[in-house]
Amino acid sequence: MRQVVLDTETTGLDPKQGHRIIEIGCVELFNRQITGQTFHFYLQPDRAIDPDAIKVHGITNEFLLDKPHFSEIANQFLKFIENAELIIHNAPFDVGFLNAELKLWNPEQLPIDKTNQILDTLVLARRWYPGQKNNLDALCKRFNINNTQRQLHGALLDAQILAEVYLAMTGGQVVLLAQPDSAQHIKNTEVRRIDKNRSRLLIIMPTAEELALHEQRLATIDKKSGGQCVWLQQNSQQVH
């Protein structure tokens, strides 16, 4: 299952008032593993950034003068998120801005919430921790995730932190795959043929107790992920 953790920074709070995206950051997950693949651009909004917004993310008008417009990276962005579930904290905010940018770029382009499934981690956090603070900093503290480098908001940094928070919230990341070194090693490794005359492998079947514990674990993952447990979905497809 491919997922993309996404965050944006903007010139202000409301795209209906003409505010624009000035930074997009995306982090790829594949089968609940951070792959190292990212998508990141600062963007020229063709308008001034609200002073209050600058206090939040620290991005200035001068810094963006030579940056590309959204229209120049739109195709790359859509390609990166193609066929992926989008994981966003407070999704309506980012989705609203993305849809506004896409409409300006191409009036015929479908809204992003029509082309991609979206999981809002803020909704999940509020469901599981009602009455508590559920902003990104609070979740980092709750799951013991280091965010000391987050002095200001930044789209790519926040997406990277949110990826760790999401995995911690929904059961964790087991193994890191697709690291550059290991990927190159696999690519250069020769294929070894198995001796057809080898002794038969011993198959050890799980006990009833082990199967029950396995089912309990899957149920926990399914609950924490809002019904997104891949293994249960695959089992359901096999049954049908």
C-alpha atoms as a PDB file:
ATOM      1  CA  MET A   1       0.000   0.000   0.000  1.00  0.00           C
ATOM      2  CA  ARG A   2       1.444   3.358  -1.045  1.00  0.00           C
ATOM      3  CA  GLN A   3       0.799   6.438   1.083  1.00  0.00           C
ATOM      4  CA  VAL A   4       2.054  10.015   0.879  1.00  0.00           C
ATOM      5  CA  VAL A   5       2.328  12.185   3.975  1.00  0.00           C
ATOM      6  CA  LEU A   6       1.680  15.771   2.902  1.00  0.00           C
ATOM      7  CA  ASP A   7       1.928  19.266   4.336  1.00  0.00           C
ATOM      8  CA  THR A   8       1.781  22.801   2.949  1.00  0.00           C
ATOM      9  CA  GLU A   9       2.688  26.312   4.036  1.00  0.00           C
ATOM     10  CA  THR A  10       0.659  29.258   2.757  1.00  0.00           C
ATOM     11  CA  THR A  11       0.494  33.048   2.527  1.00  0.00           C
ATOM     12  CA  GLY A  12      -2.503  33.127   4.865  1.00  0.00           C
ATOM     13  CA  LEU A  13      -5.461  31.169   6.177  1.00  0.00           C
ATOM     14  CA  ASP A  14      -8.102  31.209   3.435  1.00  0.00           C
ATOM     15  CA  PRO A  15      -7.719  30.394  -0.279  1.00  0.00           C
ATOM     16  CA  LYS A  16     -11.107  32.048  -0.904  1.00  0.00           C
ATOM     17  CA  GLN A  17      -9.423  35.341  -0.002  1.00  0.00           C
ATOM     18  CA  GLY A  18      -6.738  34.763  -2.620  1.00  0.00           C
ATOM     19  CA  HIS A  19      -4.136  33.187  -0.369  1.00  0.00           C
ATOM     20  CA  ARG A  20      -1.739  30.747  -2.042  1.00  0.00           C
ATOM     21  CA  ILE A  21       0.536  27.817  -1.279  1.00  0.00           C
ATOM     22  CA  ILE A  22       4.196  28.745  -0.882  1.00  0.00           C
ATOM     23  CA  GLU A  23       5.636  25.358   0.115  1.00  0.00           C
ATOM     24  CA  ILE A  24       4.675  21.714  -0.477  1.00  0.00           C
ATOM     25  CA  GLY A  25       6.358  18.825   1.295  1.00  0.00           C
ATOM     26  CA  CYS A  26       5.570  15.133   0.723  1.00  0.00           C
ATOM     27  CA  VAL A  27       7.064  11.952   2.209  1.00  0.00           C
ATOM     28  CA  GLU A  28       6.400   8.529   0.683  1.00  0.00           C
ATOM     29  CA  LEU A  29       5.406   5.466   2.698  1.00  0.00           C
ATOM     30  CA  PHE A  30       5.186   2.029   1.134  1.00  0.00           C
ATOM     31  CA  ASN A  31       3.725  -0.856   3.148  1.00  0.00           C
ATOM     32  CA  ARG A  32       4.136   1.273   6.299  1.00  0.00           C
ATOM     33  CA  GLN A  33       7.806   1.946   5.625  1.00  0.00           C
ATOM     34  CA  ILE A  34       9.432   5.342   5.004  1.00  0.00           C
ATOM     35  CA  THR A  35      11.083   4.898   1.612  1.00  0.00           C
ATOM     36  CA  GLY A  36      13.205   8.053   1.563  1.00  0.00           C
ATOM     37  CA  GLN A  37      11.383   9.371  -1.526  1.00  0.00           C
ATOM     38  CA  THR A  38      10.188  12.961  -1.073  1.00  0.00           C
ATOM     39  CA  PHE A  39       8.617  15.782  -3.075  1.00  0.00           C
ATOM     40  CA  HIS A  40       9.447  19.332  -2.000  1.00  0.00           C
ATOM     41  CA  PHE A  41       9.129  22.768  -3.562  1.00  0.00           C
ATOM     42  CA  TYR A  42       8.968  26.376  -2.433  1.00  0.00           C
ATOM     43  CA  LEU A  43       6.576  28.336  -4.651  1.00  0.00           C
ATOM     44  CA  GLN A  44       6.162  31.914  -5.867  1.00  0.00           C
ATOM     45  CA  PRO A  45       2.596  32.966  -4.943  1.00  0.00           C
ATOM     46  CA  ASP A  46       2.453  36.270  -6.849  1.00  0.00           C
ATOM     47  CA  ARG A  47       1.119  38.003  -3.755  1.00  0.00           C
ATOM     48  CA  ALA A  48       2.417  39.183  -0.397  1.00  0.00           C
ATOM     49  CA  ILE A  49       2.590  36.847   2.583  1.00  0.00           C
ATOM     50  CA  ASP A  50       0.619  37.912   5.652  1.00  0.00           C
ATOM     51  CA  PRO A  51       2.963  39.051   8.472  1.00  0.00           C
ATOM     52  CA  ASP A  52       1.272  36.640  10.897  1.00  0.00           C
ATOM     53  CA  ALA A  53       1.948  33.756   8.505  1.00  0.00           C
ATOM     54  CA  ILE A  54       5.632  34.690   8.310  1.00  0.00           C
ATOM     55  CA  LYS A  55       5.808  34.424  12.100  1.00  0.00           C
ATOM     56  CA  VAL A  56       4.571  30.824  11.812  1.00  0.00           C
ATOM     57  CA  HIS A  57       6.757  29.466   8.994  1.00  0.00           C
ATOM     58  CA  GLY A  58       9.507  32.072   8.588  1.00  0.00           C
ATOM     59  CA  ILE A  59       9.233  32.128   4.781  1.00  0.00           C
ATOM     60  CA  THR A  60       9.629  35.653   3.389  1.00  0.00           C
ATOM     61  CA  ASN A  61       8.488  37.338   0.181  1.00  0.00           C
ATOM     62  CA  GLU A  62      12.116  37.965  -0.814  1.00  0.00           C
ATOM     63  CA  PHE A  63      13.031  34.275  -0.434  1.00  0.00           C
ATOM     64  CA  LEU A  64      10.304  33.255  -2.885  1.00  0.00           C
ATOM     65  CA  LEU A  65      11.165  35.717  -5.665  1.00  0.00           C
ATOM     66  CA  ASP A  66      13.057  33.168  -7.799  1.00  0.00           C
ATOM     67  CA  LYS A  67      10.933  30.141  -6.930  1.00  0.00           C
ATOM     68  CA  PRO A  68       8.675  28.349  -9.468  1.00  0.00           C
ATOM     69  CA  HIS A  69       4.929  28.866  -9.688  1.00  0.00           C
ATOM     70  CA  PHE A  70       2.532  26.075  -8.803  1.00  0.00           C
ATOM     71  CA  SER A  71       1.663  25.682 -12.485  1.00  0.00           C
ATOM     72  CA  GLU A  72       5.289  24.733 -13.201  1.00  0.00           C
ATOM     73  CA  ILE A  73       5.310  21.815 -10.742  1.00  0.00           C
ATOM     74  CA  ALA A  74       1.652  20.730 -10.865  1.00  0.00           C
ATOM     75  CA  ASN A  75       2.232  17.748 -13.151  1.00  0.00           C
ATOM     76  CA  GLN A  76       5.171  16.549 -11.049  1.00  0.00           C
ATOM     77  CA  PHE A  77       3.072  16.860  -7.905  1.00  0.00           C
ATOM     78  CA  LEU A  78       0.138  14.909  -9.340  1.00  0.00           C
ATOM     79  CA  LYS A  79       2.507  12.206 -10.567  1.00  0.00           C
ATOM     80  CA  PHE A  80       4.076  11.870  -7.118  1.00  0.00           C
ATOM     81  CA  ILE A  81       0.737  11.437  -5.328  1.00  0.00           C
ATOM     82  CA  GLU A  82      -0.815   9.254  -8.040  1.00  0.00           C
ATOM     83  CA  ASN A  83      -2.530   6.126  -6.634  1.00  0.00           C
ATOM     84  CA  ALA A  84      -1.535   7.033  -3.082  1.00  0.00           C
ATOM     85  CA  GLU A  85      -3.553   7.592   0.059  1.00  0.00           C
ATOM     86  CA  LEU A  86      -2.761  11.068   1.398  1.00  0.00           C
ATOM     87  CA  ILE A  87      -2.025  11.408   5.108  1.00  0.00           C
ATOM     88  CA  ILE A  88      -2.557  14.982   6.282  1.00  0.00           C
ATOM     89  CA  HIS A  89      -2.903  16.617   9.701  1.00  0.00           C
ATOM     90  CA  ASN A  90      -5.975  18.880   9.606  1.00  0.00           C
ATOM     91  CA  ALA A  91      -6.701  17.801   6.045  1.00  0.00           C
ATOM     92  CA  PRO A  92      -9.448  20.342   5.184  1.00  0.00           C
ATOM     93  CA  PHE A  93      -6.908  23.172   5.388  1.00  0.00           C
ATOM     94  CA  ASP A  94      -4.334  21.659   3.004  1.00  0.00           C
ATOM     95  CA  VAL A  95      -6.940  20.081   0.705  1.00  0.00           C
ATOM     96  CA  GLY A  96      -8.740  23.418   0.355  1.00  0.00           C
ATOM     97  CA  PHE A  97      -5.542  25.151  -0.714  1.00  0.00           C
ATOM     98  CA  LEU A  98      -4.487  22.340  -3.050  1.00  0.00           C
ATOM     99  CA  ASN A  99      -7.878  22.303  -4.746  1.00  0.00           C
ATOM    100  CA  ALA A 100      -7.727  26.071  -5.206  1.00  0.00           C
ATOM    101  CA  GLU A 101      -4.263  25.828  -6.787  1.00  0.00           C
ATOM    102  CA  LEU A 102      -5.311  22.967  -9.049  1.00  0.00           C
ATOM    103  CA  LYS A 103      -8.384  24.883 -10.220  1.00  0.00           C
ATOM    104  CA  LEU A 104      -6.278  27.939 -11.056  1.00  0.00           C
ATOM    105  CA  TRP A 105      -3.865  25.722 -12.973  1.00  0.00           C
ATOM    106  CA  ASN A 106      -6.501  23.696 -14.815  1.00  0.00           C
ATOM    107  CA  PRO A 107     -10.233  24.365 -14.335  1.00  0.00           C
ATOM    108  CA  GLU A 108     -10.962  20.818 -15.565  1.00  0.00           C
ATOM    109  CA  GLN A 109      -8.731  19.161 -12.954  1.00  0.00           C
ATOM    110  CA  LEU A 110     -10.660  17.064 -10.429  1.00  0.00           C
ATOM    111  CA  PRO A 111     -10.362  18.085  -6.757  1.00  0.00           C
ATOM    112  CA  ILE A 112      -7.676  16.174  -4.916  1.00  0.00           C
ATOM    113  CA  ASP A 113     -10.208  14.591  -2.560  1.00  0.00           C
ATOM    114  CA  LYS A 114     -11.897  13.079  -5.638  1.00  0.00           C
ATOM    115  CA  THR A 115      -8.715  11.528  -7.030  1.00  0.00           C
ATOM    116  CA  ASN A 116      -7.061  10.368  -3.797  1.00  0.00           C
ATOM    117  CA  GLN A 117      -8.203   8.795  -0.562  1.00  0.00           C
ATOM    118  CA  ILE A 118      -7.380  11.065   2.363  1.00  0.00           C
ATOM    119  CA  LEU A 119      -6.661  10.154   5.983  1.00  0.00           C
ATOM    120  CA  ASP A 120      -6.784  13.034   8.483  1.00  0.00           C
ATOM    121  CA  THR A 121      -4.498  12.281  11.423  1.00  0.00           C
ATOM    122  CA  LEU A 122      -6.069  15.101  13.433  1.00  0.00           C
ATOM    123  CA  VAL A 123      -9.444  13.348  13.216  1.00  0.00           C
ATOM    124  CA  LEU A 124      -7.807  10.079  14.322  1.00  0.00           C
ATOM    125  CA  ALA A 125      -6.018  11.757  17.224  1.00  0.00           C
ATOM    126  CA  ARG A 126      -9.182  13.487  18.441  1.00  0.00           C
ATOM    127  CA  ARG A 127     -11.055  10.185  18.268  1.00  0.00           C
ATOM    128  CA  TRP A 128      -8.427   8.318  20.296  1.00  0.00           C
ATOM    129  CA  TYR A 129      -7.395  11.133  22.675  1.00  0.00           C
ATOM    130  CA  PRO A 130     -10.526  13.250  23.259  1.00  0.00           C
ATOM    131  CA  GLY A 131     -10.093  16.347  25.360  1.00  0.00           C
ATOM    132  CA  GLN A 132      -6.308  16.391  24.880  1.00  0.00           C
ATOM    133  CA  LYS A 133      -4.041  18.543  22.745  1.00  0.00           C
ATOM    134  CA  ASN A 134      -3.614  16.873  19.382  1.00  0.00           C
ATOM    135  CA  ASN A 135      -1.460  19.277  17.404  1.00  0.00           C
ATOM    136  CA  LEU A 136       1.759  17.918  15.893  1.00  0.00           C
ATOM    137  CA  ASP A 137       3.966  19.045  18.778  1.00  0.00           C
ATOM    138  CA  ALA A 138       1.656  17.425  21.334  1.00  0.00           C
ATOM    139  CA  LEU A 139       1.610  14.156  19.364  1.00  0.00           C
ATOM    140  CA  CYS A 140       5.404  14.177  19.143  1.00  0.00           C
ATOM    141  CA  LYS A 141       5.598  14.472  22.910  1.00  0.00           C
ATOM    142  CA  ARG A 142       2.969  11.731  23.364  1.00  0.00           C
ATOM    143  CA  PHE A 143       4.845   9.278  21.132  1.00  0.00           C
ATOM    144  CA  ASN A 144       8.350  10.347  22.167  1.00  0.00           C
ATOM    145  CA  ILE A 145       9.304  11.616  18.707  1.00  0.00           C
ATOM    146  CA  ASN A 146      12.157  14.109  18.515  1.00  0.00           C
ATOM    147  CA  ASN A 147      10.995  17.403  17.001  1.00  0.00           C
ATOM    148  CA  THR A 148      13.617  19.701  18.505  1.00  0.00           C
ATOM    149  CA  GLN A 149      14.572  20.894  15.005  1.00  0.00           C
ATOM    150  CA  ARG A 150      11.038  22.272  14.547  1.00  0.00           C
ATOM    151  CA  GLN A 151      11.512  25.886  15.626  1.00  0.00           C
ATOM    152  CA  LEU A 152       9.218  27.052  12.812  1.00  0.00           C
ATOM    153  CA  HIS A 153       6.671  25.263  10.658  1.00  0.00           C
ATOM    154  CA  GLY A 154       8.051  23.849   7.398  1.00  0.00           C
ATOM    155  CA  ALA A 155       6.164  21.676   4.933  1.00  0.00           C
ATOM    156  CA  LEU A 156       8.804  18.993   4.338  1.00  0.00           C
ATOM    157  CA  LEU A 157       9.959  18.910   7.961  1.00  0.00           C
ATOM    158  CA  ASP A 158       6.380  18.672   9.215  1.00  0.00           C
ATOM    159  CA  ALA A 159       5.597  15.917   6.695  1.00  0.00           C
ATOM    160  CA  GLN A 160       8.629  13.952   7.886  1.00  0.00           C
ATOM    161  CA  ILE A 161       7.581  14.357  11.519  1.00  0.00           C
ATOM    162  CA  LEU A 162       3.960  13.504  10.716  1.00  0.00           C
ATOM    163  CA  ALA A 163       5.100  10.300   8.974  1.00  0.00           C
ATOM    164  CA  GLU A 164       6.759   9.177  12.207  1.00  0.00           C
ATOM    165  CA  VAL A 165       3.725  10.229  14.266  1.00  0.00           C
ATOM    166  CA  TYR A 166       1.327   8.372  11.974  1.00  0.00           C
ATOM    167  CA  LEU A 167       3.366   5.170  12.119  1.00  0.00           C
ATOM    168  CA  ALA A 168       3.617   5.409  15.909  1.00  0.00           C
ATOM    169  CA  MET A 169      -0.126   6.041  16.207  1.00  0.00           C
ATOM    170  CA  THR A 170      -1.057   3.072  14.045  1.00  0.00           C
ATOM    171  CA  GLY A 171       1.335   0.339  15.074  1.00  0.00           C
ATOM    172  CA  GLY A 172       4.850   1.399  14.097  1.00  0.00           C
ATOM    173  CA  GLN A 173       7.310   0.774  11.282  1.00  0.00           C
ATOM    174  CA  VAL A 174       8.864  -2.663  11.321  1.00  0.00           C
ATOM    175  CA  VAL A 175      11.744  -2.496   8.848  1.00  0.00           C
ATOM    176  CA  LEU A 176      13.247   0.299   6.798  1.00  0.00           C
ATOM    177  CA  LEU A 177      13.432  -0.756   3.170  1.00  0.00           C
ATOM    178  CA  ALA A 178      14.433   1.076   0.020  1.00  0.00           C
ATOM    179  CA  GLN A 179      17.459   2.700   1.652  1.00  0.00           C
ATOM    180  CA  PRO A 180      19.933   3.719  -1.079  1.00  0.00           C
ATOM    181  CA  ASP A 181      22.753   1.458   0.134  1.00  0.00           C
ATOM    182  CA  SER A 182      20.597  -1.615   0.659  1.00  0.00           C
ATOM    183  CA  ALA A 183      18.759  -1.090  -2.636  1.00  0.00           C
ATOM    184  CA  GLN A 184      22.077  -0.937  -4.514  1.00  0.00           C
ATOM    185  CA  HIS A 185      23.285  -4.033  -2.684  1.00  0.00           C
ATOM    186  CA  ILE A 186      20.182  -5.974  -3.694  1.00  0.00           C
ATOM    187  CA  LYS A 187      20.505  -4.779  -7.273  1.00  0.00           C
ATOM    188  CA  ASN A 188      24.105  -5.991  -7.507  1.00  0.00           C
ATOM    189  CA  THR A 189      23.570  -9.314  -5.741  1.00  0.00           C
ATOM    190  CA  GLU A 190      23.769 -12.433  -7.879  1.00  0.00           C
ATOM    191  CA  VAL A 191      20.822 -14.826  -7.974  1.00  0.00           C
ATOM    192  CA  ARG A 192      21.632 -18.111  -6.206  1.00  0.00           C
ATOM    193  CA  ARG A 193      19.837 -21.218  -7.419  1.00  0.00           C
ATOM    194  CA  ILE A 194      18.417 -23.565  -4.787  1.00  0.00           C
ATOM    195  CA  ASP A 195      19.539 -27.181  -5.022  1.00  0.00           C
ATOM    196  CA  LYS A 196      16.505 -29.149  -6.178  1.00  0.00           C
ATOM    197  CA  ASN A 197      17.811 -32.194  -4.300  1.00  0.00           C
ATOM    198  CA  ARG A 198      17.889 -30.442  -0.950  1.00  0.00           C
ATOM    199  CA  SER A 199      15.975 -31.950   1.958  1.00  0.00           C
ATOM    200  CA  ARG A 200      12.343 -30.951   2.341  1.00  0.00           C
ATOM    201  CA  LEU A 201      11.757 -27.841   4.432  1.00  0.00           C
ATOM    202  CA  LEU A 202       9.980 -28.332   7.731  1.00  0.00           C
ATOM    203  CA  ILE A 203       6.700 -26.404   7.924  1.00  0.00           C
ATOM    204  CA  ILE A 204       5.714 -25.421  11.449  1.00  0.00           C
ATOM    205  CA  MET A 205       2.050 -24.485  11.737  1.00  0.00           C
ATOM    206  CA  PRO A 206       0.902 -21.920  14.325  1.00  0.00           C
ATOM    207  CA  THR A 207      -0.947 -23.105  17.382  1.00  0.00           C
ATOM    208  CA  ALA A 208      -4.520 -22.047  18.113  1.00  0.00           C
ATOM    209  CA  GLU A 209      -3.196 -19.703  20.816  1.00  0.00           C
ATOM    210  CA  GLU A 210      -0.721 -18.098  18.393  1.00  0.00           C
ATOM    211  CA  LEU A 211      -3.457 -17.618  15.784  1.00  0.00           C
ATOM    212  CA  ALA A 212      -5.696 -15.970  18.389  1.00  0.00           C
ATOM    213  CA  LEU A 213      -2.907 -13.589  19.434  1.00  0.00           C
ATOM    214  CA  HIS A 214      -2.276 -12.798  15.761  1.00  0.00           C
ATOM    215  CA  GLU A 215      -5.946 -11.939  15.206  1.00  0.00           C
ATOM    216  CA  GLN A 216      -5.938  -9.719  18.299  1.00  0.00           C
ATOM    217  CA  ARG A 217      -2.902  -7.854  16.979  1.00  0.00           C
ATOM    218  CA  LEU A 218      -4.533  -7.297  13.585  1.00  0.00           C
ATOM    219  CA  ALA A 219      -7.702  -6.047  15.266  1.00  0.00           C
ATOM    220  CA  THR A 220      -5.647  -3.525  17.263  1.00  0.00           C
ATOM    221  CA  ILE A 221      -3.885  -2.267  14.123  1.00  0.00           C
ATOM    222  CA  ASP A 222      -7.216  -2.035  12.286  1.00  0.00           C
ATOM    223  CA  LYS A 223      -8.771  -0.001  15.101  1.00  0.00           C
ATOM    224  CA  LYS A 224      -5.828   2.399  15.383  1.00  0.00           C
ATOM    225  CA  SER A 225      -5.638   2.908  11.610  1.00  0.00           C
ATOM    226  CA  GLY A 226      -9.334   3.621  11.231  1.00  0.00           C
ATOM    227  CA  GLY A 227     -10.067   0.378   9.388  1.00  0.00           C
ATOM    228  CA  GLN A 228      -6.949   0.512   7.165  1.00  0.00           C
ATOM    229  CA  CYS A 229      -5.235  -2.724   8.233  1.00  0.00           C
ATOM    230  CA  VAL A 230      -3.794  -4.113   4.973  1.00  0.00           C
ATOM    231  CA  TRP A 231      -3.642  -7.713   6.186  1.00  0.00           C
ATOM    232  CA  LEU A 232      -7.341  -7.805   7.107  1.00  0.00           C
ATOM    233  CA  GLN A 233      -8.237  -6.234   3.753  1.00  0.00           C
ATOM    234  CA  GLN A 234      -6.214  -8.878   1.920  1.00  0.00           C
ATOM    235  CA  ASN A 235      -7.864 -11.669   3.941  1.00  0.00           C
ATOM    236  CA  SER A 236     -11.288 -10.247   3.106  1.00  0.00           C
ATOM    237  CA  GLN A 237     -10.460 -10.134  -0.619  1.00  0.00           C
ATOM    238  CA  GLN A 238      -9.271 -13.760  -0.525  1.00  0.00           C
ATOM    239  CA  VAL A 239     -12.495 -14.876   1.158  1.00  0.00           C
ATOM    240  CA  HIS A 240     -14.606 -13.170  -1.510  1.00  0.00           C
END
